[in-house]
């Protein structure tokens, strides 16, 4: 999963500068190779992925006052 870049910012760079590479929620993990990707370590649930996305967005906003967006639309969260 790739997180969309905001104009004037490289999203992966902001995530990396928040020291989130390797950060995980359940089986969902921020890639160690490219911080703009979330990888499934083998047993990630949709809840894990959405929880990780929420944390990433929160930490980037807190540190840089930048809102990042997903490159896809989430359907049926429940």
N, C-alpha and C. Protein backbone atom coordinates (compact mmCIF):
# COMPACT_ATOMS: atom_id res chain seq x y z
N UNK A 1 0.85 -1.16 0.00
CA UNK A 1 0.00 0.00 0.00
C UNK A 1 0.89 1.23 0.00
N UNK A 2 0.60 2.15 -0.85
CA UNK A 2 1.38 3.37 -0.96
C UNK A 2 0.57 4.54 -0.43
N UNK A 3 1.23 5.38 0.33
CA UNK A 3 0.58 6.59 0.83
C UNK A 3 0.88 7.73 -0.12
N UNK A 4 -0.14 8.46 -0.49
CA UNK A 4 -0.06 9.50 -1.51
C UNK A 4 0.80 10.68 -1.05
N UNK A 5 1.58 11.22 -1.99
CA UNK A 5 2.41 12.38 -1.69
C UNK A 5 1.59 13.66 -1.75
N UNK A 6 1.84 14.53 -0.82
CA UNK A 6 1.20 15.83 -0.78
C UNK A 6 2.08 16.80 -1.56
N UNK A 7 1.50 17.73 -2.26
CA UNK A 7 2.28 18.68 -3.05
C UNK A 7 3.29 19.38 -2.15
N UNK A 8 4.55 19.35 -2.58
CA UNK A 8 5.61 20.00 -1.82
C UNK A 8 6.25 19.11 -0.77
N UNK A 9 5.74 17.91 -0.60
CA UNK A 9 6.27 17.00 0.41
C UNK A 9 6.43 15.61 -0.19
N UNK A 10 7.44 14.91 0.23
CA UNK A 10 7.59 13.51 -0.14
C UNK A 10 7.12 12.72 1.07
N UNK A 11 5.97 12.09 0.93
CA UNK A 11 5.33 11.42 2.05
C UNK A 11 6.25 10.40 2.72
N UNK A 12 6.88 9.55 1.91
CA UNK A 12 7.76 8.53 2.48
C UNK A 12 8.88 9.15 3.30
N UNK A 13 9.37 10.28 2.87
CA UNK A 13 10.44 10.96 3.60
C UNK A 13 9.94 11.45 4.97
N UNK A 14 8.73 12.00 5.00
CA UNK A 14 8.17 12.45 6.27
C UNK A 14 7.95 11.29 7.22
N UNK A 15 7.45 10.18 6.69
CA UNK A 15 7.22 8.98 7.51
C UNK A 15 8.55 8.47 8.05
N UNK A 16 9.57 8.45 7.19
CA UNK A 16 10.90 7.99 7.60
C UNK A 16 11.46 8.90 8.69
N UNK A 17 11.30 10.22 8.52
CA UNK A 17 11.81 11.16 9.52
C UNK A 17 11.08 11.07 10.85
N UNK A 18 9.91 10.44 10.84
CA UNK A 18 9.18 10.17 12.08
C UNK A 18 9.62 8.84 12.69
N UNK A 19 10.66 8.24 12.11
CA UNK A 19 11.22 6.97 12.59
C UNK A 19 10.19 5.85 12.61
N UNK A 20 9.36 5.78 11.56
CA UNK A 20 8.31 4.78 11.53
C UNK A 20 8.64 3.55 10.68
N UNK A 21 9.78 3.54 10.00
CA UNK A 21 10.15 2.33 9.26
C UNK A 21 10.22 1.17 10.24
N UNK A 22 9.56 0.07 9.89
CA UNK A 22 9.55 -1.10 10.76
C UNK A 22 8.48 -1.06 11.84
N UNK A 23 7.81 0.07 12.02
CA UNK A 23 6.74 0.18 13.02
C UNK A 23 5.59 -0.71 12.58
N UNK A 24 5.00 -1.41 13.51
CA UNK A 24 3.92 -2.32 13.13
C UNK A 24 2.74 -2.26 14.08
N UNK A 25 1.61 -2.64 13.52
CA UNK A 25 0.38 -2.86 14.28
C UNK A 25 -0.08 -4.24 13.84
N UNK A 26 -0.05 -5.18 14.75
CA UNK A 26 -0.37 -6.56 14.38
C UNK A 26 0.54 -7.03 13.27
N UNK A 27 -0.05 -7.51 12.18
CA UNK A 27 0.74 -8.00 11.05
C UNK A 27 1.02 -6.96 9.99
N UNK A 28 0.60 -5.72 10.19
CA UNK A 28 0.86 -4.64 9.23
C UNK A 28 2.08 -3.86 9.68
N UNK A 29 2.99 -3.61 8.75
CA UNK A 29 4.27 -3.00 9.10
C UNK A 29 4.67 -1.96 8.05
N UNK A 30 5.24 -0.84 8.51
CA UNK A 30 5.81 0.14 7.58
C UNK A 30 7.08 -0.51 7.01
N UNK A 31 7.18 -0.53 5.69
CA UNK A 31 8.32 -1.16 5.03
C UNK A 31 9.64 -0.57 5.50
N UNK A 32 10.62 -1.45 5.70
CA UNK A 32 11.97 -1.00 6.04
C UNK A 32 12.71 -0.47 4.83
N UNK A 33 12.25 -0.84 3.63
CA UNK A 33 12.91 -0.39 2.39
C UNK A 33 12.39 0.95 1.92
N UNK A 34 11.07 1.17 2.02
CA UNK A 34 10.45 2.41 1.53
C UNK A 34 9.29 2.74 2.45
N UNK A 35 9.42 3.82 3.19
CA UNK A 35 8.44 4.16 4.23
C UNK A 35 7.05 4.49 3.69
N UNK A 36 6.91 4.64 2.37
CA UNK A 36 5.60 4.92 1.79
C UNK A 36 4.75 3.69 1.58
N UNK A 37 5.26 2.54 1.99
CA UNK A 37 4.53 1.29 1.79
C UNK A 37 4.25 0.61 3.12
N UNK A 38 3.08 0.01 3.20
CA UNK A 38 2.74 -0.84 4.34
C UNK A 38 2.73 -2.27 3.82
N UNK A 39 3.42 -3.15 4.52
CA UNK A 39 3.52 -4.54 4.09
C UNK A 39 2.81 -5.45 5.08
N UNK A 40 2.36 -6.58 4.56
CA UNK A 40 1.73 -7.61 5.38
C UNK A 40 2.82 -8.60 5.75
N UNK A 41 3.06 -8.75 7.05
CA UNK A 41 4.11 -9.68 7.49
C UNK A 41 3.62 -11.12 7.52
N UNK A 42 2.38 -11.32 7.05
CA UNK A 42 1.87 -12.68 6.94
C UNK A 42 0.51 -12.89 7.56
N UNK A 43 0.15 -12.02 8.49
CA UNK A 43 -1.15 -12.22 9.15
C UNK A 43 -1.87 -10.91 9.46
N UNK A 44 -1.64 -9.88 8.64
CA UNK A 44 -2.28 -8.59 8.88
C UNK A 44 -3.76 -8.64 8.55
N UNK A 45 -4.53 -8.00 9.39
CA UNK A 45 -5.97 -7.86 9.13
C UNK A 45 -6.20 -6.44 8.61
N UNK A 46 -7.39 -6.20 8.06
CA UNK A 46 -7.74 -4.85 7.63
C UNK A 46 -7.67 -3.89 8.82
N UNK A 47 -8.07 -4.36 9.98
CA UNK A 47 -8.01 -3.54 11.20
C UNK A 47 -6.58 -3.15 11.52
N UNK A 48 -5.63 -4.08 11.35
CA UNK A 48 -4.22 -3.77 11.57
C UNK A 48 -3.74 -2.67 10.63
N UNK A 49 -4.07 -2.82 9.35
CA UNK A 49 -3.63 -1.86 8.34
C UNK A 49 -4.22 -0.48 8.63
N UNK A 50 -5.52 -0.43 8.89
CA UNK A 50 -6.16 0.85 9.17
C UNK A 50 -5.63 1.49 10.45
N UNK A 51 -5.34 0.67 11.44
CA UNK A 51 -4.75 1.19 12.68
C UNK A 51 -3.38 1.78 12.44
N UNK A 52 -2.58 1.11 11.62
CA UNK A 52 -1.25 1.61 11.30
C UNK A 52 -1.33 2.90 10.49
N UNK A 53 -2.22 2.95 9.53
CA UNK A 53 -2.41 4.16 8.74
C UNK A 53 -2.78 5.33 9.65
N UNK A 54 -3.66 5.10 10.59
CA UNK A 54 -4.09 6.15 11.52
C UNK A 54 -2.89 6.68 12.32
N UNK A 55 -2.05 5.79 12.80
CA UNK A 55 -0.88 6.19 13.58
C UNK A 55 0.10 6.98 12.71
N UNK A 56 0.34 6.50 11.49
CA UNK A 56 1.25 7.19 10.57
C UNK A 56 0.75 8.62 10.33
N UNK A 57 -0.52 8.72 9.98
CA UNK A 57 -1.09 10.04 9.68
C UNK A 57 -1.00 10.96 10.89
N UNK A 58 -1.27 10.42 12.07
CA UNK A 58 -1.23 11.21 13.30
C UNK A 58 0.19 11.70 13.59
N UNK A 59 1.17 10.82 13.50
CA UNK A 59 2.55 11.19 13.83
C UNK A 59 3.11 12.20 12.84
N UNK A 60 2.81 12.02 11.55
CA UNK A 60 3.28 12.97 10.54
C UNK A 60 2.63 14.33 10.77
N UNK A 61 1.34 14.34 11.08
CA UNK A 61 0.65 15.61 11.33
C UNK A 61 1.21 16.31 12.56
N UNK A 62 1.44 15.55 13.62
CA UNK A 62 1.97 16.13 14.86
C UNK A 62 3.34 16.75 14.65
N UNK A 63 4.18 16.10 13.86
CA UNK A 63 5.55 16.57 13.68
C UNK A 63 5.68 17.64 12.60
N UNK A 64 4.90 17.52 11.51
CA UNK A 64 5.08 18.41 10.36
C UNK A 64 3.85 19.23 10.00
N UNK A 65 2.75 19.04 10.71
CA UNK A 65 1.50 19.75 10.41
C UNK A 65 1.08 19.53 8.95
N UNK A 66 1.28 18.31 8.47
CA UNK A 66 0.93 17.93 7.10
C UNK A 66 -0.02 16.75 7.16
N UNK A 67 -1.14 16.86 6.44
CA UNK A 67 -2.08 15.75 6.35
C UNK A 67 -1.75 14.93 5.11
N UNK A 68 -1.50 13.64 5.30
CA UNK A 68 -1.24 12.77 4.16
C UNK A 68 -2.50 11.96 3.85
N UNK A 69 -2.64 11.59 2.59
CA UNK A 69 -3.83 10.89 2.12
C UNK A 69 -3.45 9.55 1.52
N UNK A 70 -4.39 8.64 1.49
CA UNK A 70 -4.19 7.34 0.87
C UNK A 70 -4.38 7.45 -0.63
N UNK A 71 -3.75 6.56 -1.38
CA UNK A 71 -3.92 6.54 -2.83
C UNK A 71 -5.10 5.68 -3.26
N UNK A 72 -5.83 5.18 -2.31
CA UNK A 72 -6.97 4.34 -2.63
C UNK A 72 -8.13 4.72 -1.71
N UNK A 73 -9.30 4.25 -2.06
CA UNK A 73 -10.49 4.52 -1.27
C UNK A 73 -10.82 3.29 -0.42
N UNK A 74 -11.14 3.50 0.83
CA UNK A 74 -11.49 2.40 1.73
C UNK A 74 -13.00 2.18 1.67
N UNK A 75 -13.39 0.95 1.40
CA UNK A 75 -14.81 0.60 1.36
C UNK A 75 -15.11 -0.44 2.42
N UNK A 76 -16.20 -0.31 3.12
CA UNK A 76 -16.63 -1.31 4.09
C UNK A 76 -15.65 -1.53 5.22
N UNK A 77 -15.39 -0.52 5.99
CA UNK A 77 -14.43 -0.61 7.08
C UNK A 77 -14.82 -1.61 8.16
N UNK A 78 -16.07 -1.90 8.32
CA UNK A 78 -16.48 -2.82 9.39
C UNK A 78 -16.44 -4.21 8.95
